[in-house]
Amino acid sequence: MKHLSTKFFAFMLLVLFTNCSEQTEKTSDFSDRPSNYGTIVATITERNSGWLAARCFEEVEDNVRFAHSAPVFVEIPAKPFRPKRYAAEYFLAKTEELIAIAEKEEFKTPEARKETMDVYNRAHAVYSDLVKRSR
């Protein structure tokens, strides 16, 4: 993405649905407005559940300022979210790595170990399920 000046903001609406073939992007130059001003309006038509988020960038000298909104989840009845297999497998593998590391680590208390392992084991169950449902 080309950054024109320190007052140039690029607003991108990221559409991250499972059947989306490409990201929807809208870029606007608000150089005549205060640097914290911006509006984006978009219409999104999707066939499956998923999520979307907004990002903005600003290039300042040799640095890039970046912001990202929280995701907005969209659930379409009878069309559940199905992640891409590689993404679900990646997070399952990372969770397995964390479990292996935690099993070797010393914890301050047995309760701290149990609490940590409970979180990792719940994550493992979630990502295992996602791998089964992935496409």
N, C-alpha and C. Protein backbone atom coordinates (compact mmCIF):
# COMPACT_ATOMS: atom_id res chain seq x y z
N MET A 1 0.85 -1.17 0.00
CA MET A 1 0.00 0.00 0.00
C MET A 1 0.89 1.23 0.00
N LYS A 2 0.60 2.17 -0.83
CA LYS A 2 1.40 3.39 -0.95
C LYS A 2 0.91 4.41 0.08
N HIS A 3 1.84 5.01 0.79
CA HIS A 3 1.53 6.05 1.78
C HIS A 3 1.96 7.39 1.18
N LEU A 4 1.02 8.32 1.04
CA LEU A 4 1.32 9.57 0.35
C LEU A 4 1.96 10.63 1.22
N SER A 5 1.54 10.74 2.46
CA SER A 5 2.11 11.76 3.34
C SER A 5 1.79 11.41 4.78
N THR A 6 2.27 12.23 5.73
CA THR A 6 2.00 11.96 7.13
C THR A 6 0.53 12.11 7.47
N LYS A 7 -0.24 12.80 6.62
CA LYS A 7 -1.67 12.95 6.89
C LYS A 7 -2.51 11.95 6.11
N PHE A 8 -1.86 11.09 5.37
CA PHE A 8 -2.59 10.11 4.58
C PHE A 8 -2.90 8.90 5.44
N PHE A 9 -4.15 8.54 5.51
CA PHE A 9 -4.55 7.33 6.23
C PHE A 9 -5.11 6.33 5.24
N ALA A 10 -4.76 5.12 5.39
CA ALA A 10 -5.35 4.05 4.58
C ALA A 10 -6.27 3.26 5.49
N PHE A 11 -7.52 3.24 5.16
CA PHE A 11 -8.49 2.47 5.92
C PHE A 11 -8.82 1.23 5.12
N MET A 12 -8.68 0.10 5.74
CA MET A 12 -8.98 -1.15 5.06
C MET A 12 -10.04 -1.89 5.86
N LEU A 13 -11.04 -2.35 5.20
CA LEU A 13 -12.03 -3.19 5.82
C LEU A 13 -11.66 -4.61 5.43
N LEU A 14 -11.28 -5.38 6.39
CA LEU A 14 -10.83 -6.74 6.12
C LEU A 14 -12.00 -7.68 6.26
N VAL A 15 -12.28 -8.39 5.24
CA VAL A 15 -13.37 -9.35 5.28
C VAL A 15 -12.73 -10.73 5.32
N LEU A 16 -12.86 -11.37 6.45
CA LEU A 16 -12.17 -12.63 6.67
C LEU A 16 -13.18 -13.76 6.85
N PHE A 17 -13.96 -13.98 5.84
CA PHE A 17 -14.93 -15.05 5.85
C PHE A 17 -14.31 -16.26 5.18
N THR A 18 -14.86 -17.41 5.46
CA THR A 18 -14.24 -18.63 4.94
C THR A 18 -14.35 -18.75 3.43
N ASN A 19 -15.35 -18.16 2.80
CA ASN A 19 -15.47 -18.26 1.34
C ASN A 19 -15.12 -16.96 0.63
N CYS A 20 -14.49 -16.05 1.30
CA CYS A 20 -14.15 -14.77 0.69
C CYS A 20 -12.91 -14.98 -0.18
N SER A 21 -13.00 -14.61 -1.44
CA SER A 21 -11.88 -14.85 -2.34
C SER A 21 -10.81 -13.77 -2.22
N GLU A 22 -11.18 -12.59 -1.73
CA GLU A 22 -10.20 -11.51 -1.60
C GLU A 22 -10.65 -10.54 -0.52
N GLN A 23 -9.72 -9.74 -0.05
CA GLN A 23 -10.04 -8.73 0.95
C GLN A 23 -10.71 -7.54 0.26
N THR A 24 -11.65 -6.95 0.97
CA THR A 24 -12.27 -5.72 0.47
C THR A 24 -11.45 -4.57 1.01
N GLU A 25 -11.02 -3.68 0.15
CA GLU A 25 -10.15 -2.60 0.58
C GLU A 25 -10.66 -1.27 0.06
N LYS A 26 -10.72 -0.28 0.93
CA LYS A 26 -11.09 1.07 0.52
C LYS A 26 -10.03 1.99 1.11
N THR A 27 -9.42 2.78 0.30
CA THR A 27 -8.38 3.69 0.74
C THR A 27 -8.86 5.12 0.50
N SER A 28 -8.68 5.98 1.50
CA SER A 28 -9.12 7.37 1.38
C SER A 28 -8.02 8.31 1.83
N ASP A 29 -7.89 9.44 1.16
CA ASP A 29 -6.92 10.46 1.52
C ASP A 29 -7.66 11.57 2.26
N PHE A 30 -7.40 11.67 3.56
CA PHE A 30 -8.05 12.69 4.39
C PHE A 30 -7.06 13.82 4.71
N SER A 31 -6.20 14.18 3.75
CA SER A 31 -5.15 15.15 4.02
C SER A 31 -5.70 16.53 4.34
N ASP A 32 -6.96 16.79 3.97
CA ASP A 32 -7.56 18.09 4.29
C ASP A 32 -8.26 18.09 5.64
N ARG A 33 -8.20 16.99 6.38
CA ARG A 33 -8.88 16.86 7.67
C ARG A 33 -7.85 16.68 8.79
N PRO A 34 -8.28 16.85 10.03
CA PRO A 34 -7.36 16.55 11.14
C PRO A 34 -6.88 15.10 11.03
N SER A 35 -5.72 14.82 11.56
CA SER A 35 -5.12 13.50 11.37
C SER A 35 -5.89 12.39 12.06
N ASN A 36 -6.82 12.70 12.94
CA ASN A 36 -7.58 11.65 13.60
C ASN A 36 -8.98 11.48 13.01
N TYR A 37 -9.22 11.96 11.80
CA TYR A 37 -10.52 11.92 11.17
C TYR A 37 -10.57 10.83 10.12
N GLY A 38 -11.69 10.17 10.04
CA GLY A 38 -11.85 9.19 8.97
C GLY A 38 -13.20 8.51 9.05
N THR A 39 -13.73 8.17 7.91
CA THR A 39 -15.00 7.47 7.81
C THR A 39 -14.90 6.45 6.68
N ILE A 40 -15.47 5.31 6.91
CA ILE A 40 -15.54 4.32 5.84
C ILE A 40 -16.94 3.71 5.87
N VAL A 41 -17.50 3.51 4.71
CA VAL A 41 -18.80 2.87 4.58
C VAL A 41 -18.62 1.75 3.56
N ALA A 42 -19.07 0.56 3.90
CA ALA A 42 -18.94 -0.57 2.98
C ALA A 42 -20.15 -1.48 3.11
N THR A 43 -20.50 -2.11 2.03
CA THR A 43 -21.56 -3.12 2.02
C THR A 43 -20.88 -4.45 1.76
N ILE A 44 -21.16 -5.41 2.61
CA ILE A 44 -20.52 -6.71 2.51
C ILE A 44 -21.62 -7.77 2.37
N THR A 45 -21.49 -8.59 1.37
CA THR A 45 -22.41 -9.70 1.18
C THR A 45 -21.60 -10.98 1.30
N GLU A 46 -21.97 -11.81 2.24
CA GLU A 46 -21.23 -13.05 2.45
C GLU A 46 -22.17 -14.24 2.52
N ARG A 47 -21.62 -15.40 2.23
CA ARG A 47 -22.41 -16.62 2.21
C ARG A 47 -22.25 -17.44 3.48
N ASN A 48 -21.21 -17.18 4.25
CA ASN A 48 -20.93 -17.98 5.45
C ASN A 48 -20.63 -17.09 6.64
N SER A 49 -20.70 -17.68 7.83
CA SER A 49 -20.32 -16.97 9.04
C SER A 49 -18.84 -16.65 9.00
N GLY A 50 -18.43 -15.62 9.71
CA GLY A 50 -17.02 -15.24 9.76
C GLY A 50 -16.87 -13.98 10.58
N TRP A 51 -15.84 -13.22 10.30
CA TRP A 51 -15.61 -11.98 11.04
C TRP A 51 -14.96 -10.95 10.13
N LEU A 52 -15.03 -9.70 10.58
CA LEU A 52 -14.36 -8.62 9.86
C LEU A 52 -13.75 -7.67 10.86
N ALA A 53 -12.81 -6.87 10.39
CA ALA A 53 -12.11 -5.91 11.23
C ALA A 53 -11.68 -4.74 10.37
N ALA A 54 -11.32 -3.64 11.00
CA ALA A 54 -10.82 -2.47 10.28
C ALA A 54 -9.38 -2.20 10.72
N ARG A 55 -8.56 -1.77 9.78
CA ARG A 55 -7.16 -1.40 10.07
C ARG A 55 -6.91 -0.01 9.53
N CYS A 56 -6.00 0.71 10.15
CA CYS A 56 -5.54 1.96 9.56
C CYS A 56 -4.03 2.08 9.76
N PHE A 57 -3.39 2.75 8.81
CA PHE A 57 -1.94 2.95 8.79
C PHE A 57 -1.67 4.43 8.59
N GLU A 58 -0.55 4.87 9.12
CA GLU A 58 -0.05 6.21 8.80
C GLU A 58 1.46 6.14 8.79
N GLU A 59 2.05 6.58 7.71
CA GLU A 59 3.50 6.62 7.61
C GLU A 59 3.98 7.97 8.14
N VAL A 60 4.87 7.92 9.13
CA VAL A 60 5.43 9.14 9.72
C VAL A 60 6.95 8.97 9.72
N GLU A 61 7.60 9.78 8.89
CA GLU A 61 9.05 9.71 8.74
C GLU A 61 9.47 8.27 8.47
N ASP A 62 10.25 7.66 9.36
CA ASP A 62 10.70 6.29 9.12
C ASP A 62 9.92 5.27 9.95
N ASN A 63 8.70 5.62 10.34
CA ASN A 63 7.89 4.76 11.18
C ASN A 63 6.48 4.65 10.59
N VAL A 64 5.81 3.57 10.88
CA VAL A 64 4.42 3.40 10.45
C VAL A 64 3.57 3.19 11.69
N ARG A 65 2.57 4.03 11.85
CA ARG A 65 1.61 3.86 12.94
C ARG A 65 0.52 2.94 12.42
N PHE A 66 0.05 2.07 13.29
CA PHE A 66 -0.88 1.05 12.86
C PHE A 66 -1.93 0.85 13.95
N ALA A 67 -3.16 0.69 13.56
CA ALA A 67 -4.24 0.37 14.51
C ALA A 67 -5.13 -0.70 13.89
N HIS A 68 -5.72 -1.50 14.72
CA HIS A 68 -6.58 -2.60 14.26
C HIS A 68 -7.75 -2.69 15.22
N SER A 69 -8.96 -2.73 14.67
CA SER A 69 -10.14 -2.84 15.52
C SER A 69 -10.29 -4.27 16.05
N ALA A 70 -11.15 -4.42 17.01
CA ALA A 70 -11.54 -5.75 17.45
C ALA A 70 -12.38 -6.39 16.34
N PRO A 71 -12.41 -7.71 16.29
CA PRO A 71 -13.22 -8.34 15.25
C PRO A 71 -14.71 -8.17 15.53
N VAL A 72 -15.46 -8.12 14.47
CA VAL A 72 -16.92 -8.14 14.55
C VAL A 72 -17.34 -9.47 13.94
N PHE A 73 -17.98 -10.31 14.75
CA PHE A 73 -18.36 -11.64 14.30
C PHE A 73 -19.73 -11.60 13.66
N VAL A 74 -19.86 -12.29 12.55
CA VAL A 74 -21.12 -12.36 11.83
C VAL A 74 -21.50 -13.84 11.75
N GLU A 75 -22.67 -14.16 12.31
CA GLU A 75 -23.14 -15.54 12.26
C GLU A 75 -24.34 -15.62 11.34
N ILE A 76 -24.23 -16.47 10.34
CA ILE A 76 -25.30 -16.69 9.40
C ILE A 76 -25.92 -18.05 9.74
N PRO A 77 -27.21 -18.07 10.06
CA PRO A 77 -27.85 -19.34 10.43
C PRO A 77 -27.60 -20.44 9.41
N ALA A 78 -27.32 -21.62 9.91
CA ALA A 78 -27.09 -22.82 9.10
C ALA A 78 -25.84 -22.73 8.23
N LYS A 79 -24.99 -21.72 8.45
CA LYS A 79 -23.75 -21.59 7.69
C LYS A 79 -22.60 -21.28 8.66
N PRO A 80 -22.20 -22.27 9.45
CA PRO A 80 -21.21 -22.03 10.50
C PRO A 80 -19.83 -21.69 9.96
N PHE A 81 -19.04 -21.09 10.83
CA PHE A 81 -17.66 -20.76 10.52
C PHE A 81 -16.87 -22.05 10.36
N ARG A 82 -16.15 -22.16 9.26
CA ARG A 82 -15.26 -23.29 9.00
C ARG A 82 -13.90 -22.72 8.64
N PRO A 83 -12.94 -22.79 9.55
CA PRO A 83 -11.62 -22.20 9.28
C PRO A 83 -10.86 -23.00 8.23
N LYS A 84 -9.85 -22.36 7.69
CA LYS A 84 -8.96 -23.05 6.77
C LYS A 84 -8.14 -24.05 7.58
N ARG A 85 -7.93 -25.22 7.00
CA ARG A 85 -7.24 -26.30 7.73
C ARG A 85 -5.85 -25.88 8.20
N TYR A 86 -5.09 -25.21 7.36
CA TYR A 86 -3.72 -24.84 7.74
C TYR A 86 -3.71 -23.94 8.97
N ALA A 87 -4.70 -23.05 9.09
CA ALA A 87 -4.75 -22.15 10.25
C ALA A 87 -5.09 -22.93 11.52
N ALA A 88 -6.07 -23.80 11.45
CA ALA A 88 -6.45 -24.60 12.62
C ALA A 88 -5.30 -25.51 13.04
N GLU A 89 -4.64 -26.14 12.07
CA GLU A 89 -3.50 -27.02 12.38
C GLU A 89 -2.33 -26.24 12.99
N TYR A 90 -2.11 -25.02 12.52
CA TYR A 90 -1.04 -24.19 13.06
C TYR A 90 -1.26 -23.93 14.56
N PHE A 91 -2.48 -23.51 14.91
CA PHE A 91 -2.75 -23.20 16.32
C PHE A 91 -2.79 -24.45 17.18
N LEU A 92 -3.22 -25.57 16.63
CA LEU A 92 -3.17 -26.82 17.38
C LEU A 92 -1.71 -27.19 17.67
N ALA A 93 -0.85 -27.07 16.66
CA ALA A 93 0.58 -27.39 16.86
C ALA A 93 1.22 -26.45 17.88
N LYS A 94 0.89 -25.15 17.82
CA LYS A 94 1.46 -24.20 18.79
C LYS A 94 0.99 -24.53 20.21
N THR A 95 -0.28 -24.94 20.34
CA THR A 95 -0.79 -25.32 21.66
C THR A 95 -0.07 -26.56 22.17
N GLU A 96 0.17 -27.51 21.28
CA GLU A 96 0.91 -28.72 21.69
C GLU A 96 2.33 -28.37 22.12
N GLU A 97 2.96 -27.41 21.44
CA GLU A 97 4.29 -26.94 21.85
C GLU A 97 4.25 -26.34 23.25
N LEU A 98 3.23 -25.51 23.52
CA LEU A 98 3.09 -24.89 24.84
C LEU A 98 2.87 -25.94 25.93
N ILE A 99 2.08 -26.94 25.62
CA ILE A 99 1.84 -28.01 26.59
C ILE A 99 3.14 -28.74 26.89
N ALA A 100 3.93 -29.06 25.86
CA ALA A 100 5.20 -29.77 26.06
C ALA A 100 6.17 -28.94 26.90
N ILE A 101 6.22 -27.63 26.65
CA ILE A 101 7.10 -26.75 27.43
C ILE A 101 6.61 -26.69 28.88
N ALA A 102 5.32 -26.51 29.06
CA ALA A 102 4.76 -26.37 30.42
C ALA A 102 4.95 -27.64 31.24
N GLU A 103 4.90 -28.79 30.58
CA GLU A 103 5.08 -30.05 31.31
C GLU A 103 6.49 -30.16 31.91
N LYS A 104 7.47 -29.48 31.32
CA LYS A 104 8.85 -29.52 31.80
C LYS A 104 9.17 -28.38 32.77
N GLU A 105 8.36 -27.35 32.76
CA GLU A 105 8.63 -26.15 33.57
C GLU A 105 8.32 -26.35 35.04
N GLU A 106 9.00 -25.56 35.85
CA GLU A 106 8.67 -25.50 37.27
C GLU A 106 7.69 -24.38 37.49
N PHE A 107 6.71 -24.60 38.33
CA PHE A 107 5.72 -23.59 38.66
C PHE A 107 5.85 -23.25 40.14
N LYS A 108 5.41 -22.06 40.51
CA LYS A 108 5.52 -21.63 41.91
C LYS A 108 4.69 -22.51 42.82
N THR A 109 3.55 -22.95 42.33
CA THR A 109 2.66 -23.79 43.15
C THR A 109 2.02 -24.85 42.25
N PRO A 110 1.55 -25.93 42.87
CA PRO A 110 0.81 -26.93 42.09
C PRO A 110 -0.47 -26.34 41.48
N GLU A 111 -1.06 -25.38 42.17
CA GLU A 111 -2.27 -24.74 41.64
C GLU A 111 -1.96 -23.95 40.36
N ALA A 112 -0.81 -23.28 40.33
CA ALA A 112 -0.41 -22.53 39.14
C ALA A 112 -0.20 -23.48 37.96
N ARG A 113 0.42 -24.64 38.23
CA ARG A 113 0.61 -25.64 37.16
C ARG A 113 -0.74 -26.11 36.65
N LYS A 114 -1.65 -26.46 37.57
CA LYS A 114 -2.97 -26.96 37.17
C LYS A 114 -3.73 -25.91 36.38
N GLU A 115 -3.69 -24.67 36.83
CA GLU A 115 -4.41 -23.60 36.14
C GLU A 115 -3.86 -23.42 34.71
N THR A 116 -2.55 -23.43 34.58
CA THR A 116 -1.92 -23.29 33.27
C THR A 116 -2.27 -24.45 32.36
N MET A 117 -2.14 -25.67 32.88
CA MET A 117 -2.43 -26.84 32.06
C MET A 117 -3.91 -26.92 31.69
N ASP A 118 -4.79 -26.48 32.58
CA ASP A 118 -6.23 -26.45 32.25
C ASP A 118 -6.49 -25.53 31.06
N VAL A 119 -5.86 -24.36 31.06
CA VAL A 119 -6.03 -23.42 29.94
C VAL A 119 -5.51 -24.05 28.65
N TYR A 120 -4.32 -24.62 28.69
CA TYR A 120 -3.74 -25.22 27.49
C TYR A 120 -4.58 -26.40 27.00
N ASN A 121 -5.07 -27.22 27.92
CA ASN A 121 -5.88 -28.37 27.52
C ASN A 121 -7.23 -27.95 26.93
N ARG A 122 -7.82 -26.88 27.44
CA ARG A 122 -9.06 -26.35 26.84
C ARG A 122 -8.77 -25.83 25.43
N ALA A 123 -7.66 -25.12 25.28
CA ALA A 123 -7.28 -24.62 23.95
C ALA A 123 -7.04 -25.79 23.00
N HIS A 124 -6.40 -26.83 23.47
CA HIS A 124 -6.15 -28.01 22.64
C HIS A 124 -7.46 -28.62 22.17
N ALA A 125 -8.44 -28.71 23.04
CA ALA A 125 -9.75 -29.26 22.66
C ALA A 125 -10.42 -28.38 21.62
N VAL A 126 -10.35 -27.06 21.78
CA VAL A 126 -10.96 -26.13 20.81
C VAL A 126 -10.30 -26.28 19.45
N TYR A 127 -8.96 -26.25 19.40
CA TYR A 127 -8.27 -26.33 18.12
C TYR A 127 -8.40 -27.71 17.48
N SER A 128 -8.48 -28.77 18.28
CA SER A 128 -8.73 -30.11 17.73
C SER A 128 -10.08 -30.14 17.03
N ASP A 129 -11.08 -29.54 17.66
CA ASP A 129 -12.42 -29.47 17.07
C ASP A 129 -12.39 -28.65 15.78
N LEU A 130 -11.67 -27.54 15.80
CA LEU A 130 -11.58 -26.70 14.59
C LEU A 130 -10.90 -27.44 13.44
N VAL A 131 -9.88 -28.24 13.75
CA VAL A 131 -9.22 -29.02 12.69
C VAL A 131 -10.24 -29.99 12.07
N LYS A 132 -11.06 -30.62 12.91
CA LYS A 132 -12.07 -31.55 12.39
C LYS A 132 -13.09 -30.86 11.50
N ARG A 133 -13.44 -29.61 11.84
CA ARG A 133 -14.45 -28.87 11.09
C ARG A 133 -13.88 -28.03 9.95
N SER A 134 -12.56 -27.98 9.83
CA SER A 134 -11.92 -27.09 8.85
C SER A 134 -12.12 -27.61 7.44
N ARG A 135 -11.80 -26.72 6.50
CA ARG A 135 -11.94 -27.07 5.08
C ARG A 135 -10.57 -27.14 4.43
